[in-house]
């Protein structure tokens, strides 16, 4: 069901929002992203270029350890307004193996 944008960063943010709110295969906010990494459910990490450096470094490190693709999007008000970070997930959050990882 994922629309799979052509890799355009702003299109990935639109995919993230659709996946989070319509299909349950996305999560937004730095804390929710960290939880998604704990359960190894992250497919793509999307970061706002304006995200706090400390949070950006922590999430980037988790992505590096997990071998997850990281996309940085600069000046995207949608993503900044949602906490500056989001993840496209491998499974719907309602799946039993997802263990209550809630989308914000």
N, C-alpha and C. Protein backbone atom coordinates (compact mmCIF):
# COMPACT_ATOMS: atom_id res chain seq x y z
N UNK A 1 0.80 -1.19 0.00
CA UNK A 1 0.00 0.00 0.00
C UNK A 1 0.85 1.26 0.00
N UNK A 2 2.09 1.15 0.36
CA UNK A 2 2.97 2.30 0.39
C UNK A 2 3.15 2.83 -1.02
N UNK A 3 3.06 4.15 -1.17
CA UNK A 3 3.13 4.75 -2.49
C UNK A 3 4.54 4.76 -3.06
N UNK A 4 5.52 4.65 -2.20
CA UNK A 4 6.91 4.60 -2.64
C UNK A 4 7.25 5.76 -3.55
N UNK A 5 7.49 6.90 -2.95
CA UNK A 5 7.87 8.08 -3.72
C UNK A 5 9.17 7.79 -4.45
N UNK A 6 9.48 8.65 -5.39
CA UNK A 6 10.66 8.44 -6.21
C UNK A 6 11.95 8.86 -5.50
N UNK A 7 11.92 8.97 -4.18
CA UNK A 7 13.10 9.31 -3.43
C UNK A 7 13.21 10.79 -3.12
N UNK A 8 12.32 11.59 -3.67
CA UNK A 8 12.29 13.02 -3.38
C UNK A 8 12.03 13.21 -1.88
N UNK A 9 12.92 13.92 -1.17
CA UNK A 9 12.76 14.05 0.29
C UNK A 9 11.40 14.57 0.73
N UNK A 10 10.87 15.61 0.08
CA UNK A 10 9.57 16.13 0.50
C UNK A 10 8.46 15.12 0.23
N UNK A 11 8.60 14.31 -0.81
CA UNK A 11 7.61 13.27 -1.09
C UNK A 11 7.68 12.18 -0.01
N UNK A 12 8.87 11.92 0.51
CA UNK A 12 9.00 10.94 1.60
C UNK A 12 8.27 11.40 2.85
N UNK A 13 8.27 12.71 3.10
CA UNK A 13 7.54 13.24 4.26
C UNK A 13 6.04 13.02 4.05
N UNK A 14 5.56 13.24 2.83
CA UNK A 14 4.15 12.98 2.54
C UNK A 14 3.83 11.49 2.72
N UNK A 15 4.73 10.62 2.27
CA UNK A 15 4.55 9.17 2.47
C UNK A 15 4.50 8.85 3.97
N UNK A 16 5.40 9.49 4.73
CA UNK A 16 5.45 9.27 6.17
C UNK A 16 4.11 9.62 6.82
N UNK A 17 3.56 10.75 6.47
CA UNK A 17 2.28 11.17 7.05
C UNK A 17 1.16 10.21 6.66
N UNK A 18 1.11 9.82 5.39
CA UNK A 18 0.08 8.88 4.95
C UNK A 18 0.23 7.54 5.65
N UNK A 19 1.45 7.05 5.74
CA UNK A 19 1.69 5.76 6.37
C UNK A 19 1.36 5.80 7.85
N UNK A 20 1.65 6.91 8.51
CA UNK A 20 1.39 7.02 9.94
C UNK A 20 -0.10 7.08 10.23
N UNK A 21 -0.80 7.95 9.53
CA UNK A 21 -2.20 8.19 9.87
C UNK A 21 -3.18 7.28 9.15
N UNK A 22 -2.85 6.82 7.97
CA UNK A 22 -3.80 5.99 7.22
C UNK A 22 -3.52 4.50 7.36
N UNK A 23 -2.27 4.10 7.33
CA UNK A 23 -1.94 2.69 7.24
C UNK A 23 -1.23 2.14 8.47
N UNK A 24 -0.74 2.99 9.35
CA UNK A 24 -0.07 2.50 10.55
C UNK A 24 1.33 1.98 10.30
N UNK A 25 1.94 2.37 9.18
CA UNK A 25 3.30 1.91 8.89
C UNK A 25 4.30 3.05 8.96
N UNK A 26 4.00 4.00 9.84
CA UNK A 26 4.91 5.11 10.06
C UNK A 26 4.76 5.57 11.49
N UNK A 27 5.78 6.25 11.98
CA UNK A 27 5.71 6.82 13.32
C UNK A 27 6.49 8.13 13.30
N UNK A 28 6.06 9.08 14.12
CA UNK A 28 6.69 10.39 14.09
C UNK A 28 7.08 10.85 15.49
N UNK A 29 8.14 11.66 15.51
CA UNK A 29 8.68 12.17 16.76
C UNK A 29 9.93 11.39 17.15
N UNK A 30 10.91 12.08 17.72
CA UNK A 30 12.17 11.42 18.10
C UNK A 30 11.99 10.26 19.07
N UNK A 31 11.12 10.39 20.06
CA UNK A 31 10.94 9.31 21.04
C UNK A 31 10.33 8.08 20.39
N UNK A 32 9.32 8.28 19.54
CA UNK A 32 8.70 7.15 18.85
C UNK A 32 9.70 6.48 17.90
N UNK A 33 10.56 7.27 17.29
CA UNK A 33 11.58 6.70 16.41
C UNK A 33 12.56 5.82 17.20
N UNK A 34 12.97 6.31 18.37
CA UNK A 34 13.89 5.50 19.19
C UNK A 34 13.24 4.17 19.58
N UNK A 35 11.96 4.21 19.92
CA UNK A 35 11.26 2.96 20.25
C UNK A 35 11.19 2.04 19.05
N UNK A 36 10.96 2.60 17.88
CA UNK A 36 10.90 1.78 16.67
C UNK A 36 12.23 1.09 16.44
N UNK A 37 13.34 1.77 16.71
CA UNK A 37 14.65 1.14 16.58
C UNK A 37 14.84 0.03 17.61
N UNK A 38 14.30 0.20 18.81
CA UNK A 38 14.40 -0.84 19.84
C UNK A 38 13.78 -2.14 19.34
N UNK A 39 12.71 -2.05 18.58
CA UNK A 39 12.01 -3.23 18.08
C UNK A 39 12.41 -3.59 16.66
N UNK A 40 13.45 -2.95 16.14
CA UNK A 40 13.99 -3.25 14.81
C UNK A 40 12.91 -3.18 13.73
N UNK A 41 12.06 -2.18 13.79
CA UNK A 41 10.97 -2.05 12.83
C UNK A 41 11.17 -0.95 11.81
N UNK A 42 12.30 -0.24 11.86
CA UNK A 42 12.52 0.91 11.00
C UNK A 42 13.01 0.48 9.62
N UNK A 43 12.36 1.03 8.60
CA UNK A 43 12.79 0.82 7.22
C UNK A 43 13.58 2.03 6.72
N UNK A 44 13.05 3.24 6.97
CA UNK A 44 13.71 4.48 6.57
C UNK A 44 13.53 5.50 7.70
N UNK A 45 14.61 6.16 8.09
CA UNK A 45 14.56 7.24 9.07
C UNK A 45 14.58 8.55 8.31
N UNK A 46 13.65 9.43 8.63
CA UNK A 46 13.56 10.74 7.99
C UNK A 46 13.78 11.80 9.06
N UNK A 47 14.79 12.65 8.85
CA UNK A 47 15.14 13.68 9.82
C UNK A 47 15.03 15.07 9.21
N UNK A 48 14.54 16.02 10.00
CA UNK A 48 14.55 17.42 9.59
C UNK A 48 15.96 17.95 9.81
N UNK A 49 16.48 18.69 8.85
CA UNK A 49 17.80 19.26 9.00
C UNK A 49 17.91 20.17 10.20
N UNK A 50 16.78 20.72 10.64
CA UNK A 50 16.74 21.65 11.76
C UNK A 50 16.60 20.96 13.12
N UNK A 51 16.51 19.64 13.13
CA UNK A 51 16.38 18.91 14.39
C UNK A 51 17.60 19.17 15.27
N UNK A 52 17.38 19.23 16.56
CA UNK A 52 18.44 19.41 17.54
C UNK A 52 19.59 18.44 17.25
N UNK A 53 20.83 18.96 17.26
CA UNK A 53 22.00 18.15 16.90
C UNK A 53 22.15 16.89 17.76
N UNK A 54 21.87 17.01 19.04
CA UNK A 54 22.00 15.84 19.93
C UNK A 54 21.03 14.73 19.53
N UNK A 55 19.77 15.10 19.31
CA UNK A 55 18.77 14.11 18.90
C UNK A 55 19.11 13.54 17.52
N UNK A 56 19.55 14.41 16.62
CA UNK A 56 19.89 13.97 15.27
C UNK A 56 21.03 12.95 15.33
N UNK A 57 22.04 13.23 16.15
CA UNK A 57 23.18 12.30 16.27
C UNK A 57 22.75 10.96 16.85
N UNK A 58 21.90 10.98 17.89
CA UNK A 58 21.43 9.73 18.50
C UNK A 58 20.67 8.88 17.49
N UNK A 59 19.74 9.51 16.78
CA UNK A 59 18.94 8.76 15.81
C UNK A 59 19.79 8.27 14.64
N UNK A 60 20.71 9.12 14.20
CA UNK A 60 21.59 8.72 13.09
C UNK A 60 22.46 7.54 13.51
N UNK A 61 22.92 7.55 14.74
CA UNK A 61 23.73 6.43 15.26
C UNK A 61 22.91 5.14 15.29
N UNK A 62 21.66 5.23 15.75
CA UNK A 62 20.79 4.04 15.77
C UNK A 62 20.57 3.50 14.36
N UNK A 63 20.37 4.42 13.42
CA UNK A 63 20.16 4.01 12.03
C UNK A 63 21.40 3.35 11.46
N UNK A 64 22.55 3.89 11.78
CA UNK A 64 23.81 3.32 11.31
C UNK A 64 23.99 1.90 11.85
N UNK A 65 23.71 1.72 13.14
CA UNK A 65 23.83 0.39 13.75
C UNK A 65 22.87 -0.61 13.11
N UNK A 66 21.68 -0.14 12.74
CA UNK A 66 20.67 -1.03 12.18
C UNK A 66 20.78 -1.18 10.66
N UNK A 67 21.65 -0.42 10.03
CA UNK A 67 21.78 -0.47 8.59
C UNK A 67 20.57 0.12 7.87
N UNK A 68 20.00 1.15 8.47
CA UNK A 68 18.78 1.78 7.95
C UNK A 68 19.14 3.03 7.16
N UNK A 69 18.47 3.21 6.05
CA UNK A 69 18.65 4.40 5.22
C UNK A 69 18.17 5.64 5.99
N UNK A 70 18.94 6.73 5.90
CA UNK A 70 18.59 7.99 6.55
C UNK A 70 18.41 9.04 5.47
N UNK A 71 17.30 9.77 5.53
CA UNK A 71 17.05 10.87 4.61
C UNK A 71 16.89 12.13 5.45
N UNK A 72 17.65 13.16 5.11
CA UNK A 72 17.54 14.44 5.80
C UNK A 72 16.80 15.41 4.88
N UNK A 73 15.80 16.07 5.45
CA UNK A 73 14.97 17.01 4.70
C UNK A 73 15.14 18.38 5.34
N UNK A 74 15.60 19.34 4.56
CA UNK A 74 15.79 20.70 5.08
C UNK A 74 14.55 21.54 4.83
N UNK A 75 14.26 22.40 5.79
CA UNK A 75 13.19 23.38 5.71
C UNK A 75 11.84 22.78 5.33
N UNK A 76 11.46 21.72 6.01
CA UNK A 76 10.16 21.08 5.79
C UNK A 76 9.30 21.34 7.02
N UNK A 77 8.41 22.32 6.91
CA UNK A 77 7.58 22.72 8.04
C UNK A 77 6.72 21.57 8.57
N UNK A 78 6.25 20.69 7.67
CA UNK A 78 5.44 19.54 8.11
C UNK A 78 6.21 18.68 9.09
N UNK A 79 7.44 18.34 8.73
CA UNK A 79 8.25 17.46 9.57
C UNK A 79 8.70 18.18 10.84
N UNK A 80 9.08 19.42 10.74
CA UNK A 80 9.49 20.19 11.91
C UNK A 80 8.34 20.26 12.91
N UNK A 81 7.13 20.49 12.41
CA UNK A 81 5.96 20.58 13.27
C UNK A 81 5.61 19.29 13.97
N UNK A 82 6.13 18.17 13.47
CA UNK A 82 5.86 16.86 14.05
C UNK A 82 7.03 16.35 14.90
N UNK A 83 7.92 17.24 15.25
CA UNK A 83 9.03 16.85 16.12
C UNK A 83 10.35 16.70 15.41
N UNK A 84 10.37 16.81 14.10
CA UNK A 84 11.61 16.79 13.35
C UNK A 84 12.15 15.43 12.97
N UNK A 85 11.41 14.36 13.28
CA UNK A 85 11.89 13.01 12.94
C UNK A 85 10.70 12.09 12.71
N UNK A 86 10.90 11.14 11.83
CA UNK A 86 9.88 10.13 11.59
C UNK A 86 10.50 8.90 10.96
N UNK A 87 9.77 7.81 11.03
CA UNK A 87 10.26 6.54 10.46
C UNK A 87 9.17 5.90 9.63
N UNK A 88 9.54 5.41 8.47
CA UNK A 88 8.69 4.49 7.74
C UNK A 88 9.03 3.11 8.28
N UNK A 89 8.01 2.35 8.61
CA UNK A 89 8.19 1.08 9.31
C UNK A 89 8.00 -0.13 8.40
N UNK A 90 8.55 -1.25 8.82
CA UNK A 90 8.42 -2.49 8.07
C UNK A 90 7.04 -3.13 8.24
N UNK A 91 6.43 -2.93 9.41
CA UNK A 91 5.15 -3.56 9.73
C UNK A 91 4.17 -2.52 10.23
N UNK A 92 2.90 -2.81 10.11
CA UNK A 92 1.87 -1.95 10.70
C UNK A 92 2.02 -1.97 12.21
N UNK A 93 1.77 -0.83 12.83
CA UNK A 93 1.91 -0.79 14.28
C UNK A 93 0.90 -1.66 14.99
N UNK A 94 -0.18 -2.03 14.34
CA UNK A 94 -1.20 -2.87 14.96
C UNK A 94 -0.79 -4.35 14.96
N UNK A 95 0.26 -4.70 14.21
CA UNK A 95 0.70 -6.08 14.17
C UNK A 95 1.19 -6.51 15.56
N UNK A 96 0.91 -7.73 15.98
CA UNK A 96 1.30 -8.19 17.32
C UNK A 96 2.79 -8.07 17.58
N UNK A 97 3.62 -8.32 16.57
CA UNK A 97 5.06 -8.26 16.80
C UNK A 97 5.53 -6.82 17.00
N UNK A 98 4.65 -5.85 16.80
CA UNK A 98 5.06 -4.46 16.91
C UNK A 98 5.07 -3.96 18.34
N UNK A 99 4.43 -4.61 19.26
CA UNK A 99 4.52 -4.37 20.70
C UNK A 99 4.17 -2.95 21.15
N UNK A 100 3.03 -2.47 20.71
CA UNK A 100 2.50 -1.20 21.18
C UNK A 100 3.34 0.03 20.86
N UNK A 101 4.07 0.05 19.78
CA UNK A 101 4.78 1.25 19.37
C UNK A 101 3.74 2.20 18.79
N UNK A 102 3.48 3.28 19.47
CA UNK A 102 2.39 4.17 19.08
C UNK A 102 2.89 5.30 18.20
N UNK A 103 2.14 5.59 17.17
CA UNK A 103 2.39 6.77 16.36
C UNK A 103 1.90 7.98 17.12
N UNK A 104 2.58 9.06 16.98
CA UNK A 104 2.20 10.30 17.68
C UNK A 104 1.12 11.00 16.91
